[in-house]
PDB file of N, CA and C in Angstrom:
ATOM      1  N   MET A   1       0.850  -1.174   0.000  1.00  0.00           N
ATOM      2  CA  MET A   1       0.000   0.000   0.000  1.00  0.00           C
ATOM      3  C   MET A   1       0.894   1.235   0.000  1.00  0.00           C
ATOM      4  N   GLY A   2       0.509   2.269  -0.732  1.00  0.00           N
ATOM      5  CA  GLY A   2       1.308   3.472  -0.853  1.00  0.00           C
ATOM      6  C   GLY A   2       1.263   4.332   0.394  1.00  0.00           C
ATOM      7  N   GLN A   3       2.196   5.271   0.469  1.00  0.00           N
ATOM      8  CA  GLN A   3       2.238   6.206   1.577  1.00  0.00           C
ATOM      9  C   GLN A   3       1.535   7.484   1.165  1.00  0.00           C
ATOM     10  N   SER A   4       1.052   8.225   2.140  1.00  0.00           N
ATOM     11  CA  SER A   4       0.390   9.475   1.837  1.00  0.00           C
ATOM     12  C   SER A   4       0.881  10.559   2.774  1.00  0.00           C
ATOM     13  N   ALA A   5       1.100  11.735   2.208  1.00  0.00           N
ATOM     14  CA  ALA A   5       1.525  12.866   3.007  1.00  0.00           C
ATOM     15  C   ALA A   5       0.473  13.963   3.028  1.00  0.00           C
ATOM     16  N   HIS A   6      -0.723  13.678   2.523  1.00  0.00           N
ATOM     17  CA  HIS A   6      -1.739  14.725   2.470  1.00  0.00           C
ATOM     18  C   HIS A   6      -2.264  15.056   3.859  1.00  0.00           C
ATOM     19  N   PHE A   7      -2.543  16.317   4.063  1.00  0.00           N
ATOM     20  CA  PHE A   7      -3.100  16.811   5.315  1.00  0.00           C
ATOM     21  C   PHE A   7      -2.286  16.388   6.525  1.00  0.00           C
ATOM     22  N   SER A   8      -0.964  16.363   6.382  1.00  0.00           N
ATOM     23  CA  SER A   8      -0.121  15.870   7.470  1.00  0.00           C
ATOM     24  C   SER A   8       0.150  16.909   8.554  1.00  0.00           C
ATOM     25  N   THR A   9      -0.292  18.150   8.387  1.00  0.00           N
ATOM     26  CA  THR A   9       0.001  19.180   9.371  1.00  0.00           C
ATOM     27  C   THR A   9      -1.080  19.323  10.427  1.00  0.00           C
ATOM     28  N   GLY A  10      -2.046  18.460  10.417  1.00  0.00           N
ATOM     29  CA  GLY A  10      -3.118  18.528  11.404  1.00  0.00           C
ATOM     30  C   GLY A  10      -4.423  18.928  10.759  1.00  0.00           C
ATOM     31  N   GLU A  11      -5.483  18.280  11.158  1.00  0.00           N
ATOM     32  CA  GLU A  11      -6.777  18.458  10.511  1.00  0.00           C
ATOM     33  C   GLU A  11      -7.270  19.894  10.559  1.00  0.00           C
ATOM     34  N   ALA A  12      -7.286  20.510  11.713  1.00  0.00           N
ATOM     35  CA  ALA A  12      -7.854  21.844  11.858  1.00  0.00           C
ATOM     36  C   ALA A  12      -7.041  22.891  11.103  1.00  0.00           C
ATOM     37  N   SER A  13      -5.712  22.844  11.213  1.00  0.00           N
ATOM     38  CA  SER A  13      -4.905  23.867  10.567  1.00  0.00           C
ATOM     39  C   SER A  13      -4.929  23.724   9.056  1.00  0.00           C
ATOM     40  N   THR A  14      -4.956  22.506   8.528  1.00  0.00           N
ATOM     41  CA  THR A  14      -4.998  22.306   7.089  1.00  0.00           C
ATOM     42  C   THR A  14      -6.344  22.707   6.535  1.00  0.00           C
ATOM     43  N   GLU A  15      -7.401  22.351   7.208  1.00  0.00           N
ATOM     44  CA  GLU A  15      -8.743  22.673   6.738  1.00  0.00           C
ATOM     45  C   GLU A  15      -8.886  24.184   6.573  1.00  0.00           C
ATOM     46  N   SER A  16      -8.327  24.960   7.478  1.00  0.00           N
ATOM     47  CA  SER A  16      -8.481  26.406   7.411  1.00  0.00           C
ATOM     48  C   SER A  16      -7.682  27.009   6.257  1.00  0.00           C
ATOM     49  N   LEU A  17      -6.718  26.288   5.709  1.00  0.00           N
ATOM     50  CA  LEU A  17      -5.922  26.804   4.604  1.00  0.00           C
ATOM     51  C   LEU A  17      -6.633  26.655   3.257  1.00  0.00           C
ATOM     52  N   LEU A  18      -7.619  25.789   3.186  1.00  0.00           N
ATOM     53  CA  LEU A  18      -8.315  25.530   1.931  1.00  0.00           C
ATOM     54  C   LEU A  18      -9.706  26.163   1.938  1.00  0.00           C
ATOM     55  N   THR A  19     -10.029  26.849   0.864  1.00  0.00           N
ATOM     56  CA  THR A  19     -11.361  27.385   0.667  1.00  0.00           C
ATOM     57  C   THR A  19     -11.910  26.735  -0.592  1.00  0.00           C
ATOM     58  N   PHE A  20     -13.000  25.993  -0.432  1.00  0.00           N
ATOM     59  CA  PHE A  20     -13.556  25.238  -1.555  1.00  0.00           C
ATOM     60  C   PHE A  20     -14.629  26.036  -2.275  1.00  0.00           C
ATOM     61  N   PRO A  21     -14.775  25.854  -3.579  1.00  0.00           N
ATOM     62  CA  PRO A  21     -13.920  25.038  -4.442  1.00  0.00           C
ATOM     63  C   PRO A  21     -12.563  25.722  -4.638  1.00  0.00           C
ATOM     64  N   CYS A  22     -11.543  24.911  -4.929  1.00  0.00           N
ATOM     65  CA  CYS A  22     -10.201  25.447  -5.135  1.00  0.00           C
ATOM     66  C   CYS A  22      -9.417  24.574  -6.111  1.00  0.00           C
ATOM     67  N   ARG A  23      -8.372  25.150  -6.651  1.00  0.00           N
ATOM     68  CA  ARG A  23      -7.429  24.416  -7.499  1.00  0.00           C
ATOM     69  C   ARG A  23      -6.538  23.626  -6.553  1.00  0.00           C
ATOM     70  N   TYR A  24      -6.334  22.333  -6.834  1.00  0.00           N
ATOM     71  CA  TYR A  24      -5.581  21.484  -5.916  1.00  0.00           C
ATOM     72  C   TYR A  24      -4.717  20.519  -6.723  1.00  0.00           C
ATOM     73  N   GLU A  25      -3.466  20.341  -6.289  1.00  0.00           N
ATOM     74  CA  GLU A  25      -2.543  19.442  -6.973  1.00  0.00           C
ATOM     75  C   GLU A  25      -2.349  18.176  -6.158  1.00  0.00           C
ATOM     76  N   ILE A  26      -2.554  17.040  -6.817  1.00  0.00           N
ATOM     77  CA  ILE A  26      -2.339  15.734  -6.199  1.00  0.00           C
ATOM     78  C   ILE A  26      -1.156  15.099  -6.912  1.00  0.00           C
ATOM     79  N   LYS A  27      -0.084  14.853  -6.176  1.00  0.00           N
ATOM     80  CA  LYS A  27       1.108  14.254  -6.772  1.00  0.00           C
ATOM     81  C   LYS A  27       1.131  12.773  -6.414  1.00  0.00           C
ATOM     82  N   VAL A  28       1.264  11.941  -7.443  1.00  0.00           N
ATOM     83  CA  VAL A  28       1.225  10.491  -7.273  1.00  0.00           C
ATOM     84  C   VAL A  28       2.492   9.908  -7.883  1.00  0.00           C
ATOM     85  N   MET A  29       3.179   9.043  -7.128  1.00  0.00           N
ATOM     86  CA  MET A  29       4.413   8.443  -7.620  1.00  0.00           C
ATOM     87  C   MET A  29       4.292   6.928  -7.703  1.00  0.00           C
ATOM     88  N   GLY A  30       4.948   6.385  -8.729  1.00  0.00           N
ATOM     89  CA  GLY A  30       4.957   4.947  -8.921  1.00  0.00           C
ATOM     90  C   GLY A  30       6.038   4.556  -9.913  1.00  0.00           C
ATOM     91  N   ARG A  31       6.111   3.268 -10.212  1.00  0.00           N
ATOM     92  CA  ARG A  31       7.044   2.789 -11.229  1.00  0.00           C
ATOM     93  C   ARG A  31       6.506   3.183 -12.603  1.00  0.00           C
ATOM     94  N   ASP A  32       7.413   3.592 -13.491  1.00  0.00           N
ATOM     95  CA  ASP A  32       6.993   4.005 -14.823  1.00  0.00           C
ATOM     96  C   ASP A  32       6.471   2.805 -15.601  1.00  0.00           C
ATOM     97  N   SER A  33       5.296   2.966 -16.166  1.00  0.00           N
ATOM     98  CA  SER A  33       4.707   1.935 -17.021  1.00  0.00           C
ATOM     99  C   SER A  33       3.784   2.614 -18.019  1.00  0.00           C
ATOM    100  N   VAL A  34       3.399   1.870 -19.050  1.00  0.00           N
ATOM    101  CA  VAL A  34       2.529   2.447 -20.068  1.00  0.00           C
ATOM    102  C   VAL A  34       1.130   2.722 -19.533  1.00  0.00           C
ATOM    103  N   ARG A  35       0.739   2.085 -18.451  1.00  0.00           N
ATOM    104  CA  ARG A  35      -0.627   2.244 -17.940  1.00  0.00           C
ATOM    105  C   ARG A  35      -0.740   3.140 -16.708  1.00  0.00           C
ATOM    106  N   PHE A  36       0.374   3.560 -16.128  1.00  0.00           N
ATOM    107  CA  PHE A  36       0.344   4.296 -14.861  1.00  0.00           C
ATOM    108  C   PHE A  36      -0.479   5.587 -14.965  1.00  0.00           C
ATOM    109  N   ASP A  37      -0.223   6.393 -15.985  1.00  0.00           N
ATOM    110  CA  ASP A  37      -0.917   7.678 -16.120  1.00  0.00           C
ATOM    111  C   ASP A  37      -2.432   7.479 -16.224  1.00  0.00           C
ATOM    112  N   ALA A  38      -2.848   6.578 -17.092  1.00  0.00           N
ATOM    113  CA  ALA A  38      -4.277   6.327 -17.282  1.00  0.00           C
ATOM    114  C   ALA A  38      -4.908   5.760 -16.012  1.00  0.00           C
ATOM    115  N   LEU A  39      -4.189   4.909 -15.316  1.00  0.00           N
ATOM    116  CA  LEU A  39      -4.692   4.322 -14.079  1.00  0.00           C
ATOM    117  C   LEU A  39      -4.940   5.403 -13.027  1.00  0.00           C
ATOM    118  N   VAL A  40      -3.953   6.261 -12.808  1.00  0.00           N
ATOM    119  CA  VAL A  40      -4.070   7.330 -11.808  1.00  0.00           C
ATOM    120  C   VAL A  40      -5.162   8.318 -12.201  1.00  0.00           C
ATOM    121  N   GLN A  41      -5.167   8.747 -13.455  1.00  0.00           N
ATOM    122  CA  GLN A  41      -6.187   9.700 -13.890  1.00  0.00           C
ATOM    123  C   GLN A  41      -7.581   9.100 -13.797  1.00  0.00           C
ATOM    124  N   GLY A  42      -7.695   7.804 -14.046  1.00  0.00           N
ATOM    125  CA  GLY A  42      -8.979   7.133 -13.915  1.00  0.00           C
ATOM    126  C   GLY A  42      -9.476   7.123 -12.483  1.00  0.00           C
ATOM    127  N   ILE A  43      -8.565   6.853 -11.536  1.00  0.00           N
ATOM    128  CA  ILE A  43      -8.934   6.850 -10.120  1.00  0.00           C
ATOM    129  C   ILE A  43      -9.387   8.241  -9.691  1.00  0.00           C
ATOM    130  N   VAL A  44      -8.612   9.245 -10.040  1.00  0.00           N
ATOM    131  CA  VAL A  44      -8.952  10.620  -9.658  1.00  0.00           C
ATOM    132  C   VAL A  44     -10.273  11.038 -10.317  1.00  0.00           C
ATOM    133  N   SER A  45     -10.450  10.710 -11.582  1.00  0.00           N
ATOM    134  CA  SER A  45     -11.647  11.120 -12.328  1.00  0.00           C
ATOM    135  C   SER A  45     -12.936  10.549 -11.755  1.00  0.00           C
ATOM    136  N   ARG A  46     -12.856   9.388 -11.124  1.00  0.00           N
ATOM    137  CA  ARG A  46     -14.064   8.793 -10.523  1.00  0.00           C
ATOM    138  C   ARG A  46     -14.613   9.637  -9.377  1.00  0.00           C
ATOM    139  N   HIS A  47     -13.792  10.530  -8.832  1.00  0.00           N
ATOM    140  CA  HIS A  47     -14.180  11.302  -7.651  1.00  0.00           C
ATOM    141  C   HIS A  47     -14.373  12.786  -7.923  1.00  0.00           C
ATOM    142  N   ILE A  48     -14.282  13.183  -9.185  1.00  0.00           N
ATOM    143  CA  ILE A  48     -14.432  14.599  -9.517  1.00  0.00           C
ATOM    144  C   ILE A  48     -15.449  14.754 -10.644  1.00  0.00           C
ATOM    145  N   GLY A  49     -15.876  15.975 -10.859  1.00  0.00           N
ATOM    146  CA  GLY A  49     -16.801  16.266 -11.940  1.00  0.00           C
ATOM    147  C   GLY A  49     -16.126  16.170 -13.296  1.00  0.00           C
ATOM    148  N   ARG A  50     -16.919  16.096 -14.324  1.00  0.00           N
ATOM    149  CA  ARG A  50     -16.420  15.906 -15.687  1.00  0.00           C
ATOM    150  C   ARG A  50     -15.423  16.974 -16.124  1.00  0.00           C
ATOM    151  N   HIS A  51     -15.584  18.192 -15.663  1.00  0.00           N
ATOM    152  CA  HIS A  51     -14.710  19.293 -16.080  1.00  0.00           C
ATOM    153  C   HIS A  51     -13.741  19.719 -14.982  1.00  0.00           C
ATOM    154  N   ASP A  52     -13.582  18.910 -13.950  1.00  0.00           N
ATOM    155  CA  ASP A  52     -12.738  19.295 -12.815  1.00  0.00           C
ATOM    156  C   ASP A  52     -11.291  18.825 -12.913  1.00  0.00           C
ATOM    157  N   MET A  53     -10.938  18.024 -13.938  1.00  0.00           N
ATOM    158  CA  MET A  53      -9.535  17.681 -14.174  1.00  0.00           C
ATOM    159  C   MET A  53      -8.969  18.805 -15.028  1.00  0.00           C
ATOM    160  N   LEU A  54      -8.162  19.651 -14.420  1.00  0.00           N
ATOM    161  CA  LEU A  54      -7.666  20.837 -15.112  1.00  0.00           C
ATOM    162  C   LEU A  54      -6.419  20.544 -15.927  1.00  0.00           C
ATOM    163  N   ALA A  55      -5.555  19.657 -15.422  1.00  0.00           N
ATOM    164  CA  ALA A  55      -4.320  19.312 -16.129  1.00  0.00           C
ATOM    165  C   ALA A  55      -3.667  18.126 -15.436  1.00  0.00           C
ATOM    166  N   ALA A  56      -2.729  17.520 -16.147  1.00  0.00           N
ATOM    167  CA  ALA A  56      -1.911  16.455 -15.572  1.00  0.00           C
ATOM    168  C   ALA A  56      -0.492  16.646 -16.091  1.00  0.00           C
ATOM    169  N   LYS A  57       0.468  16.599 -15.180  1.00  0.00           N
ATOM    170  CA  LYS A  57       1.873  16.774 -15.554  1.00  0.00           C
ATOM    171  C   LYS A  57       2.650  15.523 -15.146  1.00  0.00           C
ATOM    172  N   ARG A  58       3.488  15.044 -16.033  1.00  0.00           N
ATOM    173  CA  ARG A  58       4.252  13.813 -15.830  1.00  0.00           C
ATOM    174  C   ARG A  58       5.735  14.149 -15.758  1.00  0.00           C
ATOM    175  N   ARG A  59       6.424  13.483 -14.833  1.00  0.00           N
ATOM    176  CA  ARG A  59       7.865  13.702 -14.716  1.00  0.00           C
ATOM    177  C   ARG A  59       8.549  12.385 -14.363  1.00  0.00           C
ATOM    178  N   LEU A  60       9.530  12.004 -15.172  1.00  0.00           N
ATOM    179  CA  LEU A  60      10.299  10.782 -14.919  1.00  0.00           C
ATOM    180  C   LEU A  60      11.424  11.051 -13.935  1.00  0.00           C
ATOM    181  N   SER A  61      11.787  10.027 -13.174  1.00  0.00           N
ATOM    182  CA  SER A  61      12.944  10.137 -12.290  1.00  0.00           C
ATOM    183  C   SER A  61      14.214  10.164 -13.146  1.00  0.00           C
ATOM    184  N   ARG A  62      15.314  10.508 -12.541  1.00  0.00           N
ATOM    185  CA  ARG A  62      16.580  10.568 -13.258  1.00  0.00           C
ATOM    186  C   ARG A  62      16.923   9.245 -13.935  1.00  0.00           C
ATOM    187  N   THR A  63      16.624   8.157 -13.262  1.00  0.00           N
ATOM    188  CA  THR A  63      16.947   6.834 -13.802  1.00  0.00           C
ATOM    189  C   THR A  63      15.893   6.324 -14.777  1.00  0.00           C
ATOM    190  N   GLY A  64      14.720   6.960 -14.805  1.00  0.00           N
ATOM    191  CA  GLY A  64      13.647   6.529 -15.674  1.00  0.00           C
ATOM    192  C   GLY A  64      12.836   5.372 -15.125  1.00  0.00           C
ATOM    193  N   LYS A  65      13.143   4.954 -13.920  1.00  0.00           N
ATOM    194  CA  LYS A  65      12.431   3.818 -13.322  1.00  0.00           C
ATOM    195  C   LYS A  65      11.108   4.245 -12.690  1.00  0.00           C
ATOM    196  N   TYR A  66      11.057   5.461 -12.165  1.00  0.00           N
ATOM    197  CA  TYR A  66       9.870   5.954 -11.465  1.00  0.00           C
ATOM    198  C   TYR A  66       9.294   7.164 -12.190  1.00  0.00           C
ATOM    199  N   VAL A  67       8.030   7.414 -11.924  1.00  0.00           N
ATOM    200  CA  VAL A  67       7.354   8.556 -12.525  1.00  0.00           C
ATOM    201  C   VAL A  67       6.505   9.236 -11.459  1.00  0.00           C
ATOM    202  N   SER A  68       6.395  10.548 -11.570  1.00  0.00           N
ATOM    203  CA  SER A  68       5.429  11.261 -10.732  1.00  0.00           C
ATOM    204  C   SER A  68       4.417  11.893 -11.678  1.00  0.00           C
ATOM    205  N   LEU A  69       3.173  11.787 -11.294  1.00  0.00           N
ATOM    206  CA  LEU A  69       2.091  12.373 -12.065  1.00  0.00           C
ATOM    207  C   LEU A  69       1.371  13.346 -11.149  1.00  0.00           C
ATOM    208  N   THR A  70       1.303  14.595 -11.553  1.00  0.00           N
ATOM    209  CA  THR A  70       0.596  15.606 -10.790  1.00  0.00           C
ATOM    210  C   THR A  70      -0.725  15.891 -11.485  1.00  0.00           C
ATOM    211  N   CYS A  71      -1.810  15.571 -10.805  1.00  0.00           N
ATOM    212  CA  CYS A  71      -3.148  15.849 -11.320  1.00  0.00           C
ATOM    213  C   CYS A  71      -3.619  17.147 -10.684  1.00  0.00           C
ATOM    214  N   ILE A  72      -3.923  18.114 -11.514  1.00  0.00           N
ATOM    215  CA  ILE A  72      -4.413  19.399 -11.038  1.00  0.00           C
ATOM    216  C   ILE A  72      -5.928  19.393 -11.231  1.00  0.00           C
ATOM    217  N   ILE A  73      -6.629  19.500 -10.117  1.00  0.00           N
ATOM    218  CA  ILE A  73      -8.086  19.381 -10.147  1.00  0.00           C
ATOM    219  C   ILE A  73      -8.752  20.589  -9.505  1.00  0.00           C
ATOM    220  N   ARG A  74     -10.030  20.695  -9.730  1.00  0.00           N
ATOM    221  CA  ARG A  74     -10.857  21.635  -8.983  1.00  0.00           C
ATOM    222  C   ARG A  74     -11.527  20.807  -7.889  1.00  0.00           C
ATOM    223  N   ALA A  75     -11.089  21.034  -6.653  1.00  0.00           N
ATOM    224  CA  ALA A  75     -11.612  20.280  -5.516  1.00  0.00           C
ATOM    225  C   ALA A  75     -12.786  21.025  -4.905  1.00  0.00           C
ATOM    226  N   HIS A  76     -13.775  20.240  -4.439  1.00  0.00           N
ATOM    227  CA  HIS A  76     -14.991  20.836  -3.892  1.00  0.00           C
ATOM    228  C   HIS A  76     -15.165  20.627  -2.398  1.00  0.00           C
ATOM    229  N   SER A  77     -14.397  19.701  -1.797  1.00  0.00           N
ATOM    230  CA  SER A  77     -14.522  19.485  -0.354  1.00  0.00           C
ATOM    231  C   SER A  77     -13.345  18.675   0.171  1.00  0.00           C
ATOM    232  N   ARG A  78     -13.143  18.763   1.442  1.00  0.00           N
ATOM    233  CA  ARG A  78     -12.117  17.962   2.124  1.00  0.00           C
ATOM    234  C   ARG A  78     -12.451  16.477   2.003  1.00  0.00           C
ATOM    235  N   GLU A  79     -13.719  16.138   2.112  1.00  0.00           N
ATOM    236  CA  GLU A  79     -14.157  14.742   2.003  1.00  0.00           C
ATOM    237  C   GLU A  79     -13.823  14.179   0.627  1.00  0.00           C
ATOM    238  N   GLN A  80     -14.018  14.984  -0.400  1.00  0.00           N
ATOM    239  CA  GLN A  80     -13.686  14.554  -1.752  1.00  0.00           C
ATOM    240  C   GLN A  80     -12.192  14.231  -1.855  1.00  0.00           C
ATOM    241  N   LEU A  81     -11.358  15.098  -1.322  1.00  0.00           N
ATOM    242  CA  LEU A  81      -9.915  14.859  -1.363  1.00  0.00           C
ATOM    243  C   LEU A  81      -9.544  13.603  -0.578  1.00  0.00           C
ATOM    244  N   ASP A  82     -10.162  13.411   0.575  1.00  0.00           N
ATOM    245  CA  ASP A  82      -9.900  12.204   1.364  1.00  0.00           C
ATOM    246  C   ASP A  82     -10.254  10.942   0.588  1.00  0.00           C
ATOM    247  N   MET A  83     -11.364  10.972  -0.145  1.00  0.00           N
ATOM    248  CA  MET A  83     -11.773   9.806  -0.940  1.00  0.00           C
ATOM    249  C   MET A  83     -10.783   9.538  -2.080  1.00  0.00           C
ATOM    250  N   ILE A  84     -10.290  10.590  -2.695  1.00  0.00           N
ATOM    251  CA  ILE A  84      -9.310  10.427  -3.776  1.00  0.00           C
ATOM    252  C   ILE A  84      -8.032   9.796  -3.228  1.00  0.00           C
ATOM    253  N   TYR A  85      -7.512  10.336  -2.123  1.00  0.00           N
ATOM    254  CA  TYR A  85      -6.285   9.789  -1.546  1.00  0.00           C
ATOM    255  C   TYR A  85      -6.473   8.346  -1.092  1.00  0.00           C
ATOM    256  N   ALA A  86      -7.622   8.018  -0.523  1.00  0.00           N
ATOM    257  CA  ALA A  86      -7.885   6.641  -0.083  1.00  0.00           C
ATOM    258  C   ALA A  86      -7.894   5.692  -1.277  1.00  0.00           C
ATOM    259  N   ALA A  87      -8.537   6.097  -2.367  1.00  0.00           N
ATOM    260  CA  ALA A  87      -8.593   5.254  -3.562  1.00  0.00           C
ATOM    261  C   ALA A  87      -7.206   5.072  -4.172  1.00  0.00           C
ATOM    262  N   LEU A  88      -6.411   6.118  -4.176  1.00  0.00           N
ATOM    263  CA  LEU A  88      -5.046   6.013  -4.708  1.00  0.00           C
ATOM    264  C   LEU A  88      -4.201   5.070  -3.857  1.00  0.00           C
ATOM    265  N   GLN A  89      -4.354   5.138  -2.546  1.00  0.00           N
ATOM    266  CA  GLN A  89      -3.574   4.274  -1.661  1.00  0.00           C
ATOM    267  C   GLN A  89      -3.950   2.804  -1.816  1.00  0.00           C
ATOM    268  N   GLU A  90      -5.162   2.526  -2.232  1.00  0.00           N
ATOM    269  CA  GLU A  90      -5.599   1.148  -2.445  1.00  0.00           C
ATOM    270  C   GLU A  90      -5.004   0.540  -3.711  1.00  0.00           C
ATOM    271  N   CYS A  91      -4.503   1.379  -4.593  1.00  0.00           N
ATOM    272  CA  CYS A  91      -3.939   0.914  -5.861  1.00  0.00           C
ATOM    273  C   CYS A  91      -2.504   0.419  -5.648  1.00  0.00           C
ATOM    274  N   GLY A  92      -2.244  -0.807  -6.006  1.00  0.00           N
ATOM    275  CA  GLY A  92      -0.922  -1.399  -5.833  1.00  0.00           C
ATOM    276  C   GLY A  92       0.181  -0.755  -6.639  1.00  0.00           C
ATOM    277  N   ASP A  93      -0.171  -0.063  -7.723  1.00  0.00           N
ATOM    278  CA  ASP A  93       0.831   0.587  -8.559  1.00  0.00           C
ATOM    279  C   ASP A  93       1.286   1.944  -7.998  1.00  0.00           C
ATOM    280  N   VAL A  94       0.553   2.481  -7.046  1.00  0.00           N
ATOM    281  CA  VAL A  94       0.881   3.758  -6.444  1.00  0.00           C
ATOM    282  C   VAL A  94       1.822   3.524  -5.261  1.00  0.00           C
ATOM    283  N   LEU A  95       2.989   4.138  -5.314  1.00  0.00           N
ATOM    284  CA  LEU A  95       3.968   3.987  -4.234  1.00  0.00           C
ATOM    285  C   LEU A  95       3.828   5.078  -3.180  1.00  0.00           C
ATOM    286  N   MET A  96       3.446   6.298  -3.602  1.00  0.00           N
ATOM    287  CA  MET A  96       3.343   7.414  -2.664  1.00  0.00           C
ATOM    288  C   MET A  96       2.462   8.493  -3.243  1.00  0.00           C
ATOM    289  N   THR A  97       1.767   9.204  -2.356  1.00  0.00           N
ATOM    290  CA  THR A  97       0.975  10.364  -2.768  1.00  0.00           C
ATOM    291  C   THR A  97       1.357  11.558  -1.908  1.00  0.00           C
ATOM    292  N   LEU A  98       1.293  12.716  -2.502  1.00  0.00           N
ATOM    293  CA  LEU A  98       1.547  13.970  -1.784  1.00  0.00           C
ATOM    294  C   LEU A  98       0.432  14.939  -2.103  1.00  0.00           C
TER     295      LEU A  98
END
């Protein structure tokens, strides 16, 4: 199961930093494969509205073995973000989320 660093500064202090709806970046790391991007975007898309995926940025590690995918979304609630992170952590291909 992957690791997650989201909302690690404490529930109350993090909640006060976000005003919904807002632009939010979810960074997901895993081993580079032909299906990783589609898999991650599919998981995130199940929890957001049709037009809430604003962009996705991909970056390979220096060795090319790992990839990070940053999904930029329009988030509507803390609960929505929690559901996205939980679904990503359940995916065996996801090594870490930020």
